[in-house]
Structure formats: structure tokens, C-alpha cells
Amino acid sequence: MNVDLWVQSPRAPNRSVKFLRYSKEIENNQWAVVDVSIDGIRGIEPNNGSQIGYMSCRLLPSGCLLQDMSNGLCKVTWIVHAEYDETTVSPLFRGLFQSGQALGASRWLASLQRQCEYMATLHCTHSSGPAMSALGRRGVLDLAQRMMVSFYTAVSKPVTPGPSNIVNEWHGSCDIGAKTFLATVRMVIWNISTMGQPPALVLCATTTVWLPGVPPHRVHEYLCNGQRRGEWDKFGYGGAVQELSSIVTCRQLRGNVVSVLQPSDVTVRANSNMLILQEATSDLSCSLVVYSFVEKNMMCAVMDGADNSAVFLLPSGFAILPDGHAKAHRAAAASSSYSTPTGQNSTAGSLLTAAYQQILPNSISTHALETLDDAGSRVCQAISQILAAVGADIAIPA
């Protein structure tokens, strides 16, 4: 198997791993799934010493044990035993990788639990706001899942400069109190095409900053506060929003919800033909707030059970990673997606990534410098507002 492992920041290294997988029922109602790399980390073929290409990471025997508990539940024990070249990881991200929250067992368990919660949500009938049919709920959740995949690609996928991709860096200032610091914003221009839509050129502007001592949950809760959205959202209405409808995707942890939002201001709402589809998720490994504008009539049709394949999504949003410096990575906390280091005495910090996307004219030659300046300035303004709102004393750009 060949797998690309991504971390939600353009500055974090991704890993490509080639491995063998072996699955076996080891005893009654208990299974093992074991992965092991077939490449050496230093790129040397063990048998003859020939060069086979540099590998920055390999899996030593890793995987999971699955045990049927005979009560409708399954016990999962996950083990990641990996070797990687730490020189490929910038100092800013080393705590995250060393803690195992980037690509360790705790992240795999959190992802598995989130998928289980998603499946349970599909069979639930409850949603707030206007009643949705089972087909409408599934359509909205599928749309949100497609939006999240698109966001991961925009933020994390390696981009190679070429005829169809332009990769550049833009430098702008962010404020933190009376001080300013220089942020580097990655600017990527690429072609995208989706079903039912003509190809389009898209600009994606992303940057990451480290907030020592500011735990991820504080940033996540602020970003989910619809009444304060106008403080940072210079990409949309620039004011407060309210939920038109929502679907809770995890009842055990607050803030995991797919929402359809509209402006709180009645005047703006009356003159707008757009709604916001937003998904907020949070677990031990990462918190996300991702949103995309959707034409109102089309969004309402999806909520009524119509096909969603023609809906165009261009997500922007935020990924909030733990910095790996929490005082206590207790085993109990690390094994659960419902636990995050939120204590007042925790030294947990955040790695905050902001991403903004917009459609561009069809000719790359028409992209004026002002377009990049506008996108970069919006990202930096959003970062500055968030720093002020969460009480960050220090911010270090990635």
C-alpha cells in the first residue's frame, strides 16, 4: 500500500509511506491489522546496499487490535511504531510530532471515533432549525464531508510549481497588542474543475502561526461564536451570523456541528442570495472551522433532499493543532477523542493555520499584484483579530 499522510498546515512536512498490510483473526472475536514498511529510512536496500531513493519515514510493525465485546461495542487498541527523520521537521512542529498527536496512535483513534460518530449521525433524526428529511440530512453531511476534503487538499497537499500551478510567497504584517510581526503567506494559483462546473482558477492563501500558552479549545470556541464572527470574517458578510439549521455530529463534545448560517442583520439577509455551510470539529489531534458560501436556493434544495453533486464549494477556514507542549499527555486523554488539555495550568499552545480561497479571472496574466495583496491582507487581518480575542501574548510565524 502507498499512503500520503497529511498534517493540516502548509508548513508541516507530509509523509509518503509504502508498506505491507497483514490482517488476521488471531482468536475468537479478536483481529489484528499490522502494517510494516518495506523501505529503509536512509534509502538503502538492506540486501545489496544499493540506493533506492530517500525515505523520510517508515513504519516499524504498527496497527491495531480489534476485539468484539459482544455488546454491540468494539475495543480498539492502536499502536504506531514509526521511525522518521527529524531533520525534515521544523522546530516549530517537533513537539506536535514527538507527542504523537500529528501522526501517532491518538490521531488514528480520534479519526476512527469521528467516523463512528458520523455514521451514527446519519441514522439520527434530530436537527435544529427547519426539519430535514433523512435524505436532506445525508445530503448536507455529504456536502460538508466533501467541503472538508477540499479544505485538506488546499491546506496540506504538496504543490509543485508548473504550467498549471503558480506557487509564491507573500509577506505581510500581523498585529499582537502594540507589536507587529511579519507573516509569510503561501500563495497558490491552480486550476480546479468539479462536476457540473467549468474549470476555474483559484487562489489559495495560507499561513501558520504558533501561539504558545493558548490552548486550541480557546481559539476554536472563539471562531465558533457567531456573534463575534464579524471581528475576523472579512471574507464574507463582515457581521454576526445565526444558524438557520444545524446537525450535531458528536454529542459527547461541544462544538462538533455542521451548520447552515445566514446573516443576523435582516437587511443584509434580504439582499443576499448566499448562505454559509460550515463544519466545526474538535478532538485531541486537531480542531477545524471550515466554511463555504453556497447559493441559497441550492442549499435549501439540498436540505429538502435534492441531489448535491452540482453544488460548487470553495472552502476557507482554520485548522488549530496542538503544539505538543502540554504538561501532561496522560494515557487516558491520549486514547480518547473526547479529551483535550484544557486545564488552566496547562502549557498547551496552538498552531493556527488560516486559509482563504477565491475565484480568479481565467487568465493568469490578468492577476494584478493587488489581488495577492488583498488576499494576504485579509488573512493577516483575520490572524490579528484572533490573537487579540484569545489574549495571545506571543505569536511566532511558521
Protein backbone atom coordinates (compact mmCIF):
# COMPACT_ATOMS: atom_id res chain seq x y z
CA MET A 1 0.00 0.00 0.00
CA ASN A 2 1.10 3.56 -0.72
CA VAL A 3 -0.19 6.27 1.60
CA ASP A 4 0.31 10.03 1.88
CA LEU A 5 -0.10 11.27 5.46
CA TRP A 6 -1.01 14.95 5.82
CA VAL A 7 -0.94 17.38 8.73
CA GLN A 8 -3.24 20.42 8.45
CA SER A 9 -0.64 23.09 7.78
CA PRO A 10 1.26 24.04 4.62
CA ARG A 11 4.41 24.33 6.77
CA ALA A 12 4.24 20.84 8.31
CA PRO A 13 6.03 18.02 6.48
CA ASN A 14 3.89 15.36 4.84
CA ARG A 15 4.89 11.72 4.76
CA SER A 16 4.68 9.20 1.93
CA VAL A 17 4.84 5.64 3.21
CA LYS A 18 4.94 2.34 1.32
CA PHE A 19 4.03 -0.64 3.48
CA LEU A 20 2.63 -4.15 3.59
CA ARG A 21 -0.59 -4.85 5.49
CA TYR A 22 -1.47 -8.18 7.09
CA SER A 23 -4.87 -8.87 8.67
CA LYS A 24 -5.74 -11.98 10.65
CA GLU A 25 -8.27 -13.26 13.17
CA ILE A 26 -5.88 -14.21 15.97
CA GLU A 27 -8.52 -15.78 18.19
CA ASN A 28 -12.28 -15.88 18.61
CA ASN A 29 -13.72 -12.39 18.03
CA GLN A 30 -10.30 -10.74 18.00
CA TRP A 31 -8.45 -9.47 14.94
CA ALA A 32 -5.07 -7.89 14.26
CA VAL A 33 -4.24 -5.49 11.43
CA VAL A 34 -0.48 -4.96 11.11
CA ASP A 35 1.41 -2.58 8.79
CA VAL A 36 5.16 -2.59 8.19
CA SER A 37 7.26 -0.56 5.74
CA ILE A 38 9.30 -2.29 3.05
CA ASP A 39 11.68 0.65 2.52
CA GLY A 40 14.61 1.73 4.64
CA ILE A 41 14.57 5.23 6.10
CA ARG A 42 18.02 6.01 4.74
CA GLY A 43 17.14 4.85 1.25
CA ILE A 44 19.46 1.80 1.25
CA GLU A 45 18.31 -1.61 0.08
CA PRO A 46 19.13 -3.91 3.06
CA ASN A 47 20.26 -6.88 0.92
CA ASN A 48 22.66 -5.31 -1.56
CA GLY A 49 23.29 -1.79 -0.29
CA SER A 50 22.02 -0.10 -3.45
CA GLN A 51 20.30 3.29 -3.34
CA ILE A 52 16.51 3.08 -3.61
CA GLY A 53 15.59 6.71 -3.03
CA TYR A 54 15.42 8.72 0.17
CA MET A 55 12.64 7.81 2.61
CA SER A 56 11.94 10.32 5.40
CA CYS A 57 9.69 7.93 7.33
CA ARG A 58 8.97 4.23 7.69
CA LEU A 59 6.59 2.13 9.74
CA LEU A 60 8.00 -0.50 12.04
CA PRO A 61 5.29 -3.05 12.95
CA SER A 62 2.23 -0.89 13.65
CA GLY A 63 -1.52 -1.29 13.52
CA CYS A 64 -4.49 -2.17 15.67
CA LEU A 65 -6.14 -4.94 17.67
CA LEU A 66 -9.92 -5.21 17.34
CA GLN A 67 -11.93 -7.10 19.95
CA ASP A 68 -15.66 -7.78 19.77
CA MET A 69 -17.08 -7.00 23.23
CA SER A 70 -20.33 -8.92 22.47
CA ASN A 71 -22.50 -5.97 23.48
CA GLY A 72 -22.53 -4.01 20.24
CA LEU A 73 -19.20 -2.40 21.10
CA CYS A 74 -15.68 -2.93 19.84
CA LYS A 75 -12.47 -2.42 21.80
CA VAL A 76 -9.70 -0.91 19.68
CA THR A 77 -6.04 -0.83 20.71
CA TRP A 78 -3.86 1.19 18.34
CA ILE A 79 -0.07 1.14 18.10
CA VAL A 80 2.11 3.32 15.88
CA HIS A 81 5.78 2.40 15.87
CA ALA A 82 7.42 4.68 13.33
CA GLU A 83 10.87 5.96 12.52
CA TYR A 84 11.27 9.34 10.85
CA ASP A 85 14.00 11.80 10.01
CA GLU A 86 13.55 14.68 12.46
CA THR A 87 15.69 16.98 10.34
CA THR A 88 12.71 17.19 7.92
CA VAL A 89 10.54 18.68 10.69
CA SER A 90 10.94 22.37 11.53
CA PRO A 91 11.48 23.13 15.23
CA LEU A 92 8.02 24.72 15.42
CA PHE A 93 6.34 21.37 14.68
CA ARG A 94 8.65 18.99 16.53
CA GLY A 95 6.60 19.00 19.73
CA LEU A 96 3.49 18.07 17.74
CA PHE A 97 5.23 15.14 16.03
CA GLN A 98 7.06 13.94 19.16
CA SER A 99 3.81 13.92 21.16
CA GLY A 100 2.21 11.55 18.64
CA GLN A 101 -0.68 13.93 18.02
CA ALA A 102 0.41 14.61 14.43
CA LEU A 103 0.55 11.06 13.06
CA GLY A 104 0.57 8.83 16.13
CA ALA A 105 -1.93 6.37 17.59
CA SER A 106 -4.01 9.06 19.29
CA ARG A 107 -4.74 10.71 15.94
CA TRP A 108 -5.78 7.40 14.34
CA LEU A 109 -8.13 6.65 17.24
CA ALA A 110 -9.59 10.15 17.09
CA SER A 111 -10.20 9.76 13.34
CA LEU A 112 -11.82 6.35 13.86
CA GLN A 113 -14.10 7.68 16.60
CA ARG A 114 -15.09 10.67 14.49
CA GLN A 115 -16.04 8.36 11.63
CA CYS A 116 -18.13 6.24 14.01
CA GLU A 117 -19.86 9.40 15.24
CA TYR A 118 -20.51 10.45 11.64
CA MET A 119 -22.13 7.07 10.86
CA ALA A 120 -24.32 7.35 13.96
CA THR A 121 -25.34 10.88 12.91
CA LEU A 122 -26.56 9.56 9.56
CA HIS A 123 -29.10 7.38 11.37
CA CYS A 124 -30.20 10.09 13.81
CA THR A 125 -33.33 12.11 13.00
CA HIS A 126 -32.63 15.23 15.07
CA SER A 127 -31.57 18.60 13.66
CA SER A 128 -32.19 22.13 14.88
CA GLY A 129 -33.99 24.71 12.78
CA PRO A 130 -36.23 23.71 9.85
CA ALA A 131 -36.99 19.99 9.84
CA MET A 132 -34.87 17.97 7.41
CA SER A 133 -35.72 14.60 5.95
CA ALA A 134 -33.26 11.71 6.32
CA LEU A 135 -32.27 12.32 2.70
CA GLY A 136 -31.75 16.02 3.38
CA ARG A 137 -29.57 15.30 6.44
CA ARG A 138 -27.46 12.86 4.45
CA GLY A 139 -27.12 15.39 1.61
CA VAL A 140 -25.96 18.17 3.96
CA LEU A 141 -23.50 15.85 5.73
CA ASP A 142 -22.13 14.55 2.43
CA LEU A 143 -21.70 18.13 1.24
CA ALA A 144 -19.85 19.02 4.45
CA GLN A 145 -17.59 15.99 4.10
CA ARG A 146 -16.75 16.99 0.51
CA MET A 147 -16.00 20.52 1.74
CA MET A 148 -13.60 19.19 4.38
CA VAL A 149 -11.72 17.02 1.88
CA SER A 150 -11.34 20.05 -0.40
CA PHE A 151 -10.03 22.10 2.54
CA TYR A 152 -7.46 19.41 3.46
CA THR A 153 -6.24 19.43 -0.13
CA ALA A 154 -5.94 23.21 -0.26
CA VAL A 155 -4.05 23.43 3.03
CA SER A 156 -1.93 20.28 3.13
CA LYS A 157 -1.36 18.85 -0.35
CA PRO A 158 2.17 19.44 -1.65
CA VAL A 159 2.09 21.75 -4.67
CA THR A 160 4.69 21.52 -7.43
CA PRO A 161 5.18 24.71 -9.46
CA GLY A 162 4.37 24.20 -13.13
CA PRO A 163 2.36 25.45 -16.09
CA SER A 164 -0.95 24.92 -14.28
CA ASN A 165 0.25 25.86 -10.76
CA ILE A 166 1.85 29.07 -9.54
CA VAL A 167 3.39 28.98 -6.06
CA ASN A 168 4.65 32.14 -4.42
CA GLU A 169 5.13 33.71 -1.01
CA TRP A 170 3.64 36.97 0.18
CA HIS A 171 4.86 38.78 3.29
CA GLY A 172 2.61 40.93 5.43
CA SER A 173 2.38 42.17 9.00
CA CYS A 174 0.13 40.92 11.78
CA ASP A 175 -0.57 42.80 14.99
CA ILE A 176 -0.28 41.41 18.50
CA GLY A 177 -1.05 44.13 21.00
CA ALA A 178 1.15 47.11 20.21
CA LYS A 179 3.67 44.91 18.38
CA THR A 180 3.75 43.61 14.82
CA PHE A 181 5.41 40.57 13.27
CA LEU A 182 5.98 39.51 9.69
CA ALA A 183 3.92 36.57 8.46
CA THR A 184 4.70 34.52 5.37
CA VAL A 185 1.57 33.63 3.38
CA ARG A 186 1.79 30.83 0.84
CA MET A 187 0.03 31.85 -2.38
CA VAL A 188 -1.01 29.06 -4.73
CA ILE A 189 -2.90 29.55 -8.00
CA TRP A 190 -4.28 26.36 -9.52
CA ASN A 191 -6.94 25.04 -11.86
CA ILE A 192 -9.87 23.16 -10.40
CA SER A 193 -12.83 21.52 -12.06
CA THR A 194 -15.87 19.98 -10.41
CA MET A 195 -18.86 18.09 -11.73
CA GLY A 196 -21.29 20.40 -13.49
CA GLN A 197 -18.95 23.39 -13.30
CA PRO A 198 -16.49 24.81 -15.87
CA PRO A 199 -12.78 24.82 -14.91
CA ALA A 200 -11.80 27.75 -12.72
CA LEU A 201 -8.62 29.37 -11.48
CA VAL A 202 -8.44 29.54 -7.71
CA LEU A 203 -6.13 31.48 -5.41
CA CYS A 204 -5.41 29.83 -2.07
CA ALA A 205 -3.67 31.93 0.62
CA THR A 206 -2.49 30.11 3.76
CA THR A 207 -0.30 30.89 6.74
CA THR A 208 0.51 29.30 10.11
CA VAL A 209 1.42 30.94 13.43
CA TRP A 210 2.36 29.38 16.76
CA LEU A 211 0.53 30.67 19.85
CA PRO A 212 2.43 29.44 22.93
CA GLY A 213 0.25 29.05 26.01
CA VAL A 214 -3.06 29.45 24.13
CA PRO A 215 -4.82 26.05 24.11
CA PRO A 216 -6.63 25.02 20.91
CA HIS A 217 -10.06 24.91 22.58
CA ARG A 218 -9.89 28.66 23.31
CA VAL A 219 -9.26 29.50 19.66
CA HIS A 220 -11.90 27.02 18.48
CA GLU A 221 -14.61 28.37 20.78
CA TYR A 222 -13.94 31.93 19.65
CA LEU A 223 -14.14 31.02 15.96
CA CYS A 224 -17.44 29.18 16.56
CA ASN A 225 -19.04 32.22 18.23
CA GLY A 226 -21.45 33.52 15.59
CA GLN A 227 -21.97 36.82 17.43
CA ARG A 228 -18.26 37.67 17.11
CA ARG A 229 -17.74 36.41 13.59
CA GLY A 230 -17.61 39.91 12.12
CA GLU A 231 -14.39 40.55 14.08
CA TRP A 232 -12.38 38.17 11.90
CA ASP A 233 -14.53 37.33 8.88
CA LYS A 234 -13.52 39.93 6.32
CA PHE A 235 -14.18 37.39 3.59
CA GLY A 236 -17.96 37.34 3.89
CA TYR A 237 -20.68 39.44 5.47
CA GLY A 238 -18.40 41.17 7.96
CA GLY A 239 -21.02 40.86 10.71
CA ALA A 240 -22.71 38.41 13.07
CA VAL A 241 -24.35 35.24 11.76
CA GLN A 242 -27.03 32.94 13.09
CA GLU A 243 -27.85 29.31 12.49
CA LEU A 244 -30.57 28.56 10.01
CA SER A 245 -30.16 24.83 10.67
CA SER A 246 -27.57 22.54 12.24
CA ILE A 247 -26.67 18.89 12.71
CA VAL A 248 -24.64 17.90 15.79
CA THR A 249 -22.01 15.36 14.77
CA CYS A 250 -20.74 14.48 18.25
CA ARG A 251 -22.93 14.81 21.33
CA GLN A 252 -20.09 13.99 23.74
CA LEU A 253 -18.02 17.02 22.79
CA ARG A 254 -19.34 20.54 22.33
CA GLY A 255 -18.56 22.34 19.11
CA ASN A 256 -18.78 19.41 16.68
CA VAL A 257 -21.53 20.51 14.34
CA VAL A 258 -22.44 21.06 10.68
CA SER A 259 -24.33 24.36 10.35
CA VAL A 260 -26.11 26.36 7.69
CA LEU A 261 -25.58 30.03 8.60
CA GLN A 262 -27.14 33.27 7.48
CA PRO A 263 -26.51 36.94 8.37
CA SER A 264 -28.11 38.12 11.61
CA ASP A 265 -28.76 41.52 10.05
CA VAL A 266 -32.17 41.29 8.37
CA THR A 267 -31.22 43.93 5.77
CA VAL A 268 -28.11 42.03 4.71
CA ARG A 269 -30.04 38.75 4.73
CA ALA A 270 -32.76 40.15 2.46
CA ASN A 271 -30.19 41.33 -0.09
CA SER A 272 -28.03 38.20 -0.03
CA ASN A 273 -28.62 35.13 -2.14
CA MET A 274 -25.87 33.18 -0.37
CA LEU A 275 -25.77 31.02 2.76
CA ILE A 276 -22.75 29.63 4.58
CA LEU A 277 -22.20 25.90 5.01
CA GLN A 278 -19.85 25.39 7.95
CA GLU A 279 -18.43 22.40 9.77
CA ALA A 280 -16.70 22.68 13.13
CA THR A 281 -14.88 19.65 14.56
CA SER A 282 -12.66 19.19 17.57
CA ASP A 283 -10.74 16.28 19.05
CA LEU A 284 -7.36 15.63 20.64
CA SER A 285 -5.46 15.80 17.35
CA CYS A 286 -6.97 18.86 15.65
CA SER A 287 -9.79 21.42 15.72
CA LEU A 288 -11.24 22.77 12.49
CA VAL A 289 -13.66 25.51 11.47
CA VAL A 290 -14.27 25.27 7.72
CA TYR A 291 -16.92 27.08 5.68
CA SER A 292 -18.00 27.75 2.12
CA PHE A 293 -20.59 30.06 0.56
CA VAL A 294 -23.44 28.24 -1.19
CA GLU A 295 -26.22 29.75 -3.31
CA LYS A 296 -29.33 29.97 -1.12
CA ASN A 297 -31.80 28.18 -3.38
CA MET A 298 -29.34 25.35 -3.99
CA MET A 299 -28.60 24.94 -0.27
CA CYS A 300 -32.29 24.87 0.59
CA ALA A 301 -32.86 22.27 -2.13
CA VAL A 302 -30.15 20.03 -0.65
CA MET A 303 -31.77 20.39 2.79
CA ASP A 304 -35.01 19.23 1.20
CA GLY A 305 -33.30 16.11 -0.17
CA ALA A 306 -32.20 17.23 -3.65
CA ASP A 307 -29.00 16.00 -5.30
CA ASN A 308 -25.89 17.89 -4.12
CA SER A 309 -23.40 16.85 -6.82
CA ALA A 310 -23.69 20.16 -8.70
CA VAL A 311 -23.01 22.33 -5.63
CA PHE A 312 -19.75 24.26 -6.03
CA LEU A 313 -17.66 24.50 -2.87
CA LEU A 314 -14.64 26.71 -2.30
CA PRO A 315 -13.83 26.33 1.41
CA SER A 316 -11.88 28.70 3.59
CA GLY A 317 -11.30 28.35 7.31
CA PHE A 318 -8.96 27.45 10.13
CA ALA A 319 -7.07 24.44 11.44
CA ILE A 320 -5.96 24.57 15.09
CA LEU A 321 -3.33 21.98 16.00
CA PRO A 322 -1.94 21.37 19.50
CA ASP A 323 1.72 22.37 19.69
CA GLY A 324 2.64 19.21 21.63
CA HIS A 325 3.84 21.09 24.72
CA ALA A 326 1.01 20.26 27.12
CA LYS A 327 2.31 19.41 30.62
CA ALA A 328 0.53 16.08 30.82
CA HIS A 329 -0.15 13.79 27.92
CA ARG A 330 -1.97 11.33 30.09
CA ALA A 331 -2.59 7.91 28.56
CA ALA A 332 -6.29 8.21 29.30
CA ALA A 333 -6.51 11.51 27.48
CA ALA A 334 -4.45 10.34 24.55
CA SER A 335 -6.74 7.37 23.98
CA SER A 336 -9.91 9.42 23.67
CA SER A 337 -11.14 11.91 21.10
CA TYR A 338 -13.29 13.41 23.86
CA SER A 339 -10.33 14.66 25.90
CA THR A 340 -8.34 17.80 25.28
CA PRO A 341 -5.83 19.55 27.54
CA THR A 342 -7.94 22.44 28.78
CA GLY A 343 -6.76 22.99 32.34
CA GLN A 344 -5.80 26.48 33.47
CA ASN A 345 -2.30 25.31 34.41
CA SER A 346 -1.65 23.59 31.10
CA THR A 347 1.19 24.91 28.97
CA ALA A 348 -0.58 23.69 25.84
CA GLY A 349 -0.29 26.03 22.89
CA SER A 350 -1.76 26.15 19.41
CA LEU A 351 -0.54 26.03 15.84
CA LEU A 352 -3.12 28.11 14.00
CA THR A 353 -3.45 27.88 10.22
CA ALA A 354 -5.72 30.28 8.33
CA ALA A 355 -6.70 29.56 4.73
CA TYR A 356 -8.62 31.80 2.32
CA GLN A 357 -9.67 30.86 -1.23
CA GLN A 358 -11.20 32.89 -4.04
CA ILE A 359 -12.04 32.50 -7.72
CA LEU A 360 -9.77 34.41 -10.12
CA PRO A 361 -10.18 35.56 -13.73
CA ASN A 362 -9.43 32.87 -16.29
CA SER A 363 -6.10 34.29 -17.47
CA ILE A 364 -3.16 34.12 -15.07
CA SER A 365 -1.63 37.14 -16.81
CA THR A 366 -4.52 39.29 -15.56
CA HIS A 367 -3.69 38.66 -11.90
CA ALA A 368 -2.57 42.02 -10.65
CA LEU A 369 -0.34 42.35 -7.62
CA GLU A 370 -3.31 43.91 -5.82
CA THR A 371 -5.09 40.51 -5.91
CA LEU A 372 -2.34 38.87 -3.87
CA ASP A 373 -2.12 41.91 -1.61
CA ASP A 374 -5.85 41.78 -0.95
CA ALA A 375 -5.86 38.05 -0.13
CA GLY A 376 -2.74 38.27 2.03
CA SER A 377 -4.05 41.31 3.89
CA ARG A 378 -7.34 39.54 4.67
CA VAL A 379 -5.53 36.53 6.09
CA CYS A 380 -3.24 38.72 8.22
CA GLN A 381 -6.18 40.82 9.46
CA ALA A 382 -8.04 37.67 10.50
CA ILE A 383 -4.96 36.38 12.36
CA SER A 384 -4.53 39.73 14.14
CA GLN A 385 -8.17 39.78 15.28
CA ILE A 386 -7.97 36.21 16.56
CA LEU A 387 -4.76 36.93 18.51
CA ALA A 388 -6.42 39.89 20.21
CA ALA A 389 -9.62 37.97 21.00
CA VAL A 390 -7.92 34.93 22.58
CA GLY A 391 -5.46 37.01 24.60
CA ALA A 392 -2.31 35.77 22.89
CA ASP A 393 0.83 37.42 24.28
CA ILE A 394 3.23 35.81 21.81
CA ALA A 395 2.84 34.73 18.20
CA ILE A 396 5.61 33.13 16.15
CA PRO A 397 5.13 32.73 12.38
CA ALA A 398 5.92 29.34 10.84
